[in-house]
Amino acid sequence: MAKGWPLVIAWFLLSSGYVFAQTDSTQMLDEVSVKSFAPTRFMAGLKIQRLDSASLQQAKFQTLADFLSFLAPVNFRPYGSGQLTTIGLRGTSSNHTAVLWNGININSPSTGQSDFSTLPTAGFDLLAIQYGSSSCVIGSDAVGGSILLDSKPIWKKKYE
């Protein structure tokens, strides 16, 4: 073992001349364009009910279940006061209703449904309800319909 150490040390000393460090730490990346699918257009037999922003502003301290139960023909199943509240569109269960926020499905991955007693009305700017199976373009859990929630980004600088 002792005879091999000088050879290993000599190899490290001679090979250190071939090691180079980075010269530039920043690299410019190309611009990326992101395109998405607009689920509210171009579907056959589509019925969309859009709720106006004035009624959203008046009900900003309510849950989404309380708000929609007064303004839309949807069926909610509450399981106790302030507990789980599920939705049923057109006779289907809550597993067949997709809830999308800015195009992202926010249904629970384990149960496939959303709790409407925990969704605040103040959490979004636009609300639309798609009725029927034409909303299946969104995903497999939208057979009865879908609830579309959108938030507009604020691009103005408020602090400097």
Protein backbone atom coordinates (compact mmCIF):
# COMPACT_ATOMS: atom_id res chain seq x y z
CA MET A 1 0.00 0.00 0.00
CA ALA A 2 2.80 2.44 0.86
CA LYS A 3 4.36 2.06 -2.61
CA GLY A 4 1.18 3.37 -4.38
CA TRP A 5 0.84 6.67 -2.49
CA PRO A 6 3.62 8.57 -4.30
CA LEU A 7 2.05 7.55 -7.62
CA VAL A 8 -1.41 8.82 -6.55
CA ILE A 9 0.04 12.11 -5.30
CA ALA A 10 2.00 12.58 -8.51
CA TRP A 11 -1.15 11.93 -10.58
CA PHE A 12 -3.14 14.58 -8.63
CA LEU A 13 -0.35 17.14 -8.99
CA LEU A 14 0.08 16.55 -12.73
CA SER A 15 -3.66 16.46 -13.53
CA SER A 16 -4.45 19.68 -11.64
CA GLY A 17 -3.23 21.70 -14.60
CA TYR A 18 -6.19 20.49 -16.69
CA VAL A 19 -8.88 21.70 -14.29
CA PHE A 20 -10.59 24.91 -15.40
CA ALA A 21 -13.04 27.08 -13.50
CA GLN A 22 -16.10 28.84 -14.85
CA THR A 23 -15.38 32.13 -16.51
CA ASP A 24 -18.89 33.60 -16.71
CA SER A 25 -21.49 32.95 -14.02
CA THR A 26 -24.49 34.49 -15.80
CA GLN A 27 -26.07 33.13 -18.92
CA MET A 28 -28.82 34.80 -20.91
CA LEU A 29 -31.76 32.53 -21.71
CA ASP A 30 -34.04 32.85 -24.69
CA GLU A 31 -37.54 34.25 -24.26
CA VAL A 32 -40.26 31.68 -23.62
CA SER A 33 -43.81 32.05 -24.90
CA VAL A 34 -46.51 30.23 -22.92
CA LYS A 35 -49.82 29.46 -24.60
CA SER A 36 -52.81 27.94 -22.88
CA PHE A 37 -56.19 26.57 -23.76
CA ALA A 38 -59.18 28.84 -23.15
CA PRO A 39 -61.79 26.42 -21.77
CA THR A 40 -64.68 28.88 -22.00
CA ARG A 41 -64.76 29.11 -25.80
CA PHE A 42 -65.20 26.88 -28.83
CA MET A 43 -67.12 23.98 -27.26
CA ALA A 44 -70.26 22.61 -28.87
CA GLY A 45 -73.47 23.05 -26.91
CA LEU A 46 -71.78 25.06 -24.22
CA LYS A 47 -73.76 26.99 -21.64
CA ILE A 48 -71.74 29.38 -19.49
CA GLN A 49 -73.17 31.49 -16.71
CA ARG A 50 -70.89 34.38 -15.81
CA LEU A 51 -71.49 36.14 -12.54
CA ASP A 52 -70.78 39.85 -12.52
CA SER A 53 -68.08 41.53 -10.49
CA ALA A 54 -70.55 43.80 -8.66
CA SER A 55 -72.24 40.85 -6.99
CA LEU A 56 -68.81 39.32 -6.26
CA GLN A 57 -67.77 42.56 -4.56
CA GLN A 58 -70.92 42.62 -2.41
CA ALA A 59 -70.42 39.02 -1.28
CA LYS A 60 -66.67 39.12 -0.71
CA PHE A 61 -67.00 37.99 2.92
CA GLN A 62 -69.11 34.92 2.08
CA THR A 63 -68.04 31.43 1.16
CA LEU A 64 -68.41 30.30 -2.43
CA ALA A 65 -71.16 27.86 -1.40
CA ASP A 66 -73.28 30.61 0.16
CA PHE A 67 -72.74 32.89 -2.82
CA LEU A 68 -73.56 30.35 -5.52
CA SER A 69 -76.59 28.91 -3.73
CA PHE A 70 -78.40 32.23 -4.16
CA LEU A 71 -77.31 33.13 -7.69
CA ALA A 72 -77.03 29.89 -9.64
CA PRO A 73 -79.12 26.72 -10.11
CA VAL A 74 -76.62 24.40 -8.43
CA ASN A 75 -77.16 21.89 -5.66
CA PHE A 76 -74.98 22.05 -2.55
CA ARG A 77 -74.79 19.31 0.06
CA PRO A 78 -73.68 20.70 3.42
CA TYR A 79 -72.49 18.18 6.00
CA GLY A 80 -73.00 20.35 9.08
CA SER A 81 -72.76 24.05 9.79
CA GLY A 82 -69.35 25.27 8.62
CA GLN A 83 -68.28 21.74 7.70
CA LEU A 84 -67.76 20.03 4.32
CA THR A 85 -69.96 21.44 1.55
CA THR A 86 -69.95 19.70 -1.82
CA ILE A 87 -71.56 20.64 -5.13
CA GLY A 88 -73.67 18.77 -7.63
CA LEU A 89 -74.24 20.07 -11.15
CA ARG A 90 -76.98 18.61 -13.35
CA GLY A 91 -77.59 15.60 -11.14
CA THR A 92 -73.99 14.47 -10.87
CA SER A 93 -71.94 14.09 -7.74
CA SER A 94 -69.19 16.40 -6.55
CA ASN A 95 -66.57 14.07 -8.06
CA HIS A 96 -67.92 15.02 -11.51
CA THR A 97 -67.53 18.78 -11.08
CA ALA A 98 -64.17 20.38 -11.80
CA VAL A 99 -63.15 23.51 -9.91
CA LEU A 100 -60.50 25.46 -11.81
CA TRP A 101 -58.59 28.46 -10.51
CA ASN A 102 -56.70 30.21 -13.36
CA GLY A 103 -56.90 26.96 -15.34
CA ILE A 104 -55.47 24.80 -12.54
CA ASN A 105 -57.70 22.08 -11.14
CA ILE A 106 -57.94 22.64 -7.37
CA ASN A 107 -59.96 19.53 -6.57
CA SER A 108 -58.42 17.30 -3.96
CA PRO A 109 -56.27 14.59 -5.56
CA SER A 110 -57.39 11.99 -3.04
CA THR A 111 -61.16 12.60 -3.05
CA GLY A 112 -61.64 14.33 -6.40
CA GLN A 113 -63.84 17.07 -4.96
CA SER A 114 -63.58 20.54 -3.45
CA ASP A 115 -64.87 21.84 -0.15
CA PHE A 116 -66.90 24.92 -1.04
CA SER A 117 -67.15 26.04 2.59
CA THR A 118 -63.42 26.83 2.56
CA LEU A 119 -63.31 28.74 -0.75
CA PRO A 120 -63.72 32.49 -0.10
CA THR A 121 -65.50 34.69 -2.61
CA ALA A 122 -62.84 37.38 -2.12
CA GLY A 123 -60.13 35.03 -3.43
CA PHE A 124 -60.83 35.65 -7.12
CA ASP A 125 -62.03 38.31 -9.55
CA LEU A 126 -64.03 36.38 -12.16
CA LEU A 127 -66.49 33.53 -11.72
CA ALA A 128 -68.17 31.41 -14.40
CA ILE A 129 -70.11 28.16 -14.32
CA GLN A 130 -69.96 25.75 -17.27
CA TYR A 131 -72.90 23.39 -17.41
CA GLY A 132 -72.89 19.98 -19.03
CA SER A 133 -70.42 17.50 -20.35
CA SER A 134 -68.85 19.84 -22.88
CA SER A 135 -66.60 20.99 -20.06
CA CYS A 136 -64.91 17.55 -20.20
CA VAL A 137 -62.33 19.18 -22.42
CA ILE A 138 -60.89 20.46 -19.13
CA GLY A 139 -60.44 17.01 -17.61
CA SER A 140 -62.07 13.71 -16.75
CA ASP A 141 -63.74 15.00 -13.58
CA ALA A 142 -65.91 17.58 -15.37
CA VAL A 143 -68.82 15.44 -16.59
CA GLY A 144 -71.48 17.48 -14.82
CA GLY A 145 -69.85 20.84 -15.34
CA SER A 146 -67.13 23.04 -13.99
CA ILE A 147 -66.63 26.11 -11.83
CA LEU A 148 -64.10 28.54 -13.34
CA LEU A 149 -62.37 30.97 -10.98
CA ASP A 150 -59.91 33.56 -12.29
CA SER A 151 -57.72 36.15 -10.63
CA LYS A 152 -56.37 39.14 -12.49
CA PRO A 153 -52.72 39.85 -11.76
CA ILE A 154 -51.76 43.29 -10.48
CA TRP A 155 -48.81 44.48 -12.55
CA LYS A 156 -48.47 47.95 -11.01
CA LYS A 157 -45.62 48.59 -8.66
CA LYS A 158 -46.93 49.69 -5.31
CA TYR A 159 -43.67 49.98 -3.39
CA GLU A 160 -40.33 51.30 -4.54
